[in-house]
């Protein structure tokens, strides 16, 4: 892991309500205090499906603060489960 990045773990994978074929991935720090949201267009049936990693490295300025205590607790628990069950480079 580079010194200028933060490791975040996959905590949610959902489909966008307002757009077809859009996947939303949410990654969070192990303490649940910061998150990174990534949107990905789903490929056509003829293209390969892009892999989703258990963890990614992001620049600190690409992280948002989780201000809701319940959401922070949820993200911490989900990130912890992902980290406990997967290596960072695992496809999930």
C-alpha atoms as a PDB file:
ATOM      1  CA  UNK A   1       0.000   0.000   0.000  1.00  0.00           C
ATOM      2  CA  UNK A   2       1.378   3.390  -0.936  1.00  0.00           C
ATOM      3  CA  UNK A   3       1.919   5.943   1.827  1.00  0.00           C
ATOM      4  CA  UNK A   4      -0.376   8.458   0.158  1.00  0.00           C
ATOM      5  CA  UNK A   5      -3.362   6.117  -0.147  1.00  0.00           C
ATOM      6  CA  UNK A   6      -5.919   4.613   2.211  1.00  0.00           C
ATOM      7  CA  UNK A   7      -7.177   1.033   1.974  1.00  0.00           C
ATOM      8  CA  UNK A   8     -10.949   0.738   1.927  1.00  0.00           C
ATOM      9  CA  UNK A   9     -13.014  -2.457   1.933  1.00  0.00           C
ATOM     10  CA  UNK A  10     -16.174  -3.298  -0.003  1.00  0.00           C
ATOM     11  CA  UNK A  11     -19.259  -2.741   2.149  1.00  0.00           C
ATOM     12  CA  UNK A  12     -22.116  -2.390  -0.380  1.00  0.00           C
ATOM     13  CA  UNK A  13     -22.879  -3.330  -3.944  1.00  0.00           C
ATOM     14  CA  UNK A  14     -26.181  -2.011  -5.294  1.00  0.00           C
ATOM     15  CA  UNK A  15     -27.819  -1.098  -8.568  1.00  0.00           C
ATOM     16  CA  UNK A  16     -28.699   2.533  -9.218  1.00  0.00           C
ATOM     17  CA  UNK A  17     -32.411   3.246  -8.979  1.00  0.00           C
ATOM     18  CA  UNK A  18     -32.383   6.049 -11.508  1.00  0.00           C
ATOM     19  CA  UNK A  19     -30.124   4.568 -14.199  1.00  0.00           C
ATOM     20  CA  UNK A  20     -30.217   1.201 -15.884  1.00  0.00           C
ATOM     21  CA  UNK A  21     -27.054  -0.842 -15.983  1.00  0.00           C
ATOM     22  CA  UNK A  22     -25.262   1.165 -13.283  1.00  0.00           C
ATOM     23  CA  UNK A  23     -23.603  -0.607 -10.388  1.00  0.00           C
ATOM     24  CA  UNK A  24     -22.698   1.341  -7.247  1.00  0.00           C
ATOM     25  CA  UNK A  25     -19.848   0.072  -5.093  1.00  0.00           C
ATOM     26  CA  UNK A  26     -19.237   1.532  -1.653  1.00  0.00           C
ATOM     27  CA  UNK A  27     -15.932   0.942   0.095  1.00  0.00           C
ATOM     28  CA  UNK A  28     -15.182   2.025   3.660  1.00  0.00           C
ATOM     29  CA  UNK A  29     -12.328   2.185   6.130  1.00  0.00           C
ATOM     30  CA  UNK A  30     -12.252  -0.466   8.848  1.00  0.00           C
ATOM     31  CA  UNK A  31     -13.465   2.040  11.442  1.00  0.00           C
ATOM     32  CA  UNK A  32     -16.394   3.021   9.193  1.00  0.00           C
ATOM     33  CA  UNK A  33     -15.522   6.716   9.473  1.00  0.00           C
ATOM     34  CA  UNK A  34     -14.710   7.285   5.794  1.00  0.00           C
ATOM     35  CA  UNK A  35     -16.081   5.902   2.554  1.00  0.00           C
ATOM     36  CA  UNK A  36     -15.477   5.902  -1.196  1.00  0.00           C
ATOM     37  CA  UNK A  37     -18.290   5.500  -3.718  1.00  0.00           C
ATOM     38  CA  UNK A  38     -17.547   4.085  -7.139  1.00  0.00           C
ATOM     39  CA  UNK A  39     -20.042   3.891  -9.996  1.00  0.00           C
ATOM     40  CA  UNK A  40     -19.559   1.389 -12.759  1.00  0.00           C
ATOM     41  CA  UNK A  41     -21.553   0.894 -15.928  1.00  0.00           C
ATOM     42  CA  UNK A  42     -22.460  -2.732 -16.403  1.00  0.00           C
ATOM     43  CA  UNK A  43     -21.128  -4.193 -19.640  1.00  0.00           C
ATOM     44  CA  UNK A  44     -23.216  -5.590 -22.440  1.00  0.00           C
ATOM     45  CA  UNK A  45     -23.701  -9.348 -22.600  1.00  0.00           C
ATOM     46  CA  UNK A  46     -20.812  -9.611 -25.085  1.00  0.00           C
ATOM     47  CA  UNK A  47     -18.235  -7.916 -22.859  1.00  0.00           C
ATOM     48  CA  UNK A  48     -16.473  -9.409 -19.875  1.00  0.00           C
ATOM     49  CA  UNK A  49     -17.695  -8.438 -16.437  1.00  0.00           C
ATOM     50  CA  UNK A  50     -15.153  -6.230 -14.671  1.00  0.00           C
ATOM     51  CA  UNK A  51     -13.822  -7.680 -11.448  1.00  0.00           C
ATOM     52  CA  UNK A  52     -14.704  -6.164  -8.110  1.00  0.00           C
ATOM     53  CA  UNK A  53     -11.901  -6.324  -5.560  1.00  0.00           C
ATOM     54  CA  UNK A  54     -12.428  -6.851  -1.838  1.00  0.00           C
ATOM     55  CA  UNK A  55     -10.334  -3.754  -1.124  1.00  0.00           C
ATOM     56  CA  UNK A  56      -8.934  -0.850  -3.108  1.00  0.00           C
ATOM     57  CA  UNK A  57      -6.467   1.938  -2.411  1.00  0.00           C
ATOM     58  CA  UNK A  58      -7.717   5.512  -2.791  1.00  0.00           C
ATOM     59  CA  UNK A  59      -6.273   8.956  -2.221  1.00  0.00           C
ATOM     60  CA  UNK A  60      -7.418  10.548   1.048  1.00  0.00           C
ATOM     61  CA  UNK A  61      -9.069  13.405  -0.840  1.00  0.00           C
ATOM     62  CA  UNK A  62     -11.381  10.881  -2.538  1.00  0.00           C
ATOM     63  CA  UNK A  63     -12.891   9.779   0.775  1.00  0.00           C
ATOM     64  CA  UNK A  64     -16.069  11.161   2.261  1.00  0.00           C
ATOM     65  CA  UNK A  65     -16.845  11.389   5.964  1.00  0.00           C
ATOM     66  CA  UNK A  66     -19.532   9.142   7.428  1.00  0.00           C
ATOM     67  CA  UNK A  67     -21.377  11.411   9.846  1.00  0.00           C
ATOM     68  CA  UNK A  68     -24.317   9.192  10.785  1.00  0.00           C
ATOM     69  CA  UNK A  69     -23.366   6.955  13.756  1.00  0.00           C
ATOM     70  CA  UNK A  70     -25.567   4.059  12.597  1.00  0.00           C
ATOM     71  CA  UNK A  71     -24.133   4.157   9.096  1.00  0.00           C
ATOM     72  CA  UNK A  72     -20.604   4.360  10.520  1.00  0.00           C
ATOM     73  CA  UNK A  73     -21.285   1.293  12.667  1.00  0.00           C
ATOM     74  CA  UNK A  74     -22.743  -0.580   9.677  1.00  0.00           C
ATOM     75  CA  UNK A  75     -19.758   0.313   7.471  1.00  0.00           C
ATOM     76  CA  UNK A  76     -17.267  -0.711  10.178  1.00  0.00           C
ATOM     77  CA  UNK A  77     -18.972  -4.092  10.639  1.00  0.00           C
ATOM     78  CA  UNK A  78     -19.254  -4.733   6.889  1.00  0.00           C
ATOM     79  CA  UNK A  79     -15.660  -3.657   6.188  1.00  0.00           C
ATOM     80  CA  UNK A  80     -14.471  -5.874   9.025  1.00  0.00           C
ATOM     81  CA  UNK A  81     -16.338  -8.895   7.627  1.00  0.00           C
ATOM     82  CA  UNK A  82     -14.879  -8.320   4.176  1.00  0.00           C
ATOM     83  CA  UNK A  83     -11.356  -7.933   5.585  1.00  0.00           C
ATOM     84  CA  UNK A  84     -11.741 -11.043   7.755  1.00  0.00           C
ATOM     85  CA  UNK A  85     -12.944 -13.194   4.858  1.00  0.00           C
ATOM     86  CA  UNK A  86     -10.887 -11.895   1.927  1.00  0.00           C
ATOM     87  CA  UNK A  87      -7.442 -10.760   0.939  1.00  0.00           C
ATOM     88  CA  UNK A  88      -7.452  -7.232  -0.521  1.00  0.00           C
ATOM     89  CA  UNK A  89      -6.950  -8.507  -4.091  1.00  0.00           C
ATOM     90  CA  UNK A  90      -9.673 -11.155  -3.914  1.00  0.00           C
ATOM     91  CA  UNK A  91     -12.450 -10.856  -6.459  1.00  0.00           C
ATOM     92  CA  UNK A  92     -15.803 -10.581  -4.721  1.00  0.00           C
END
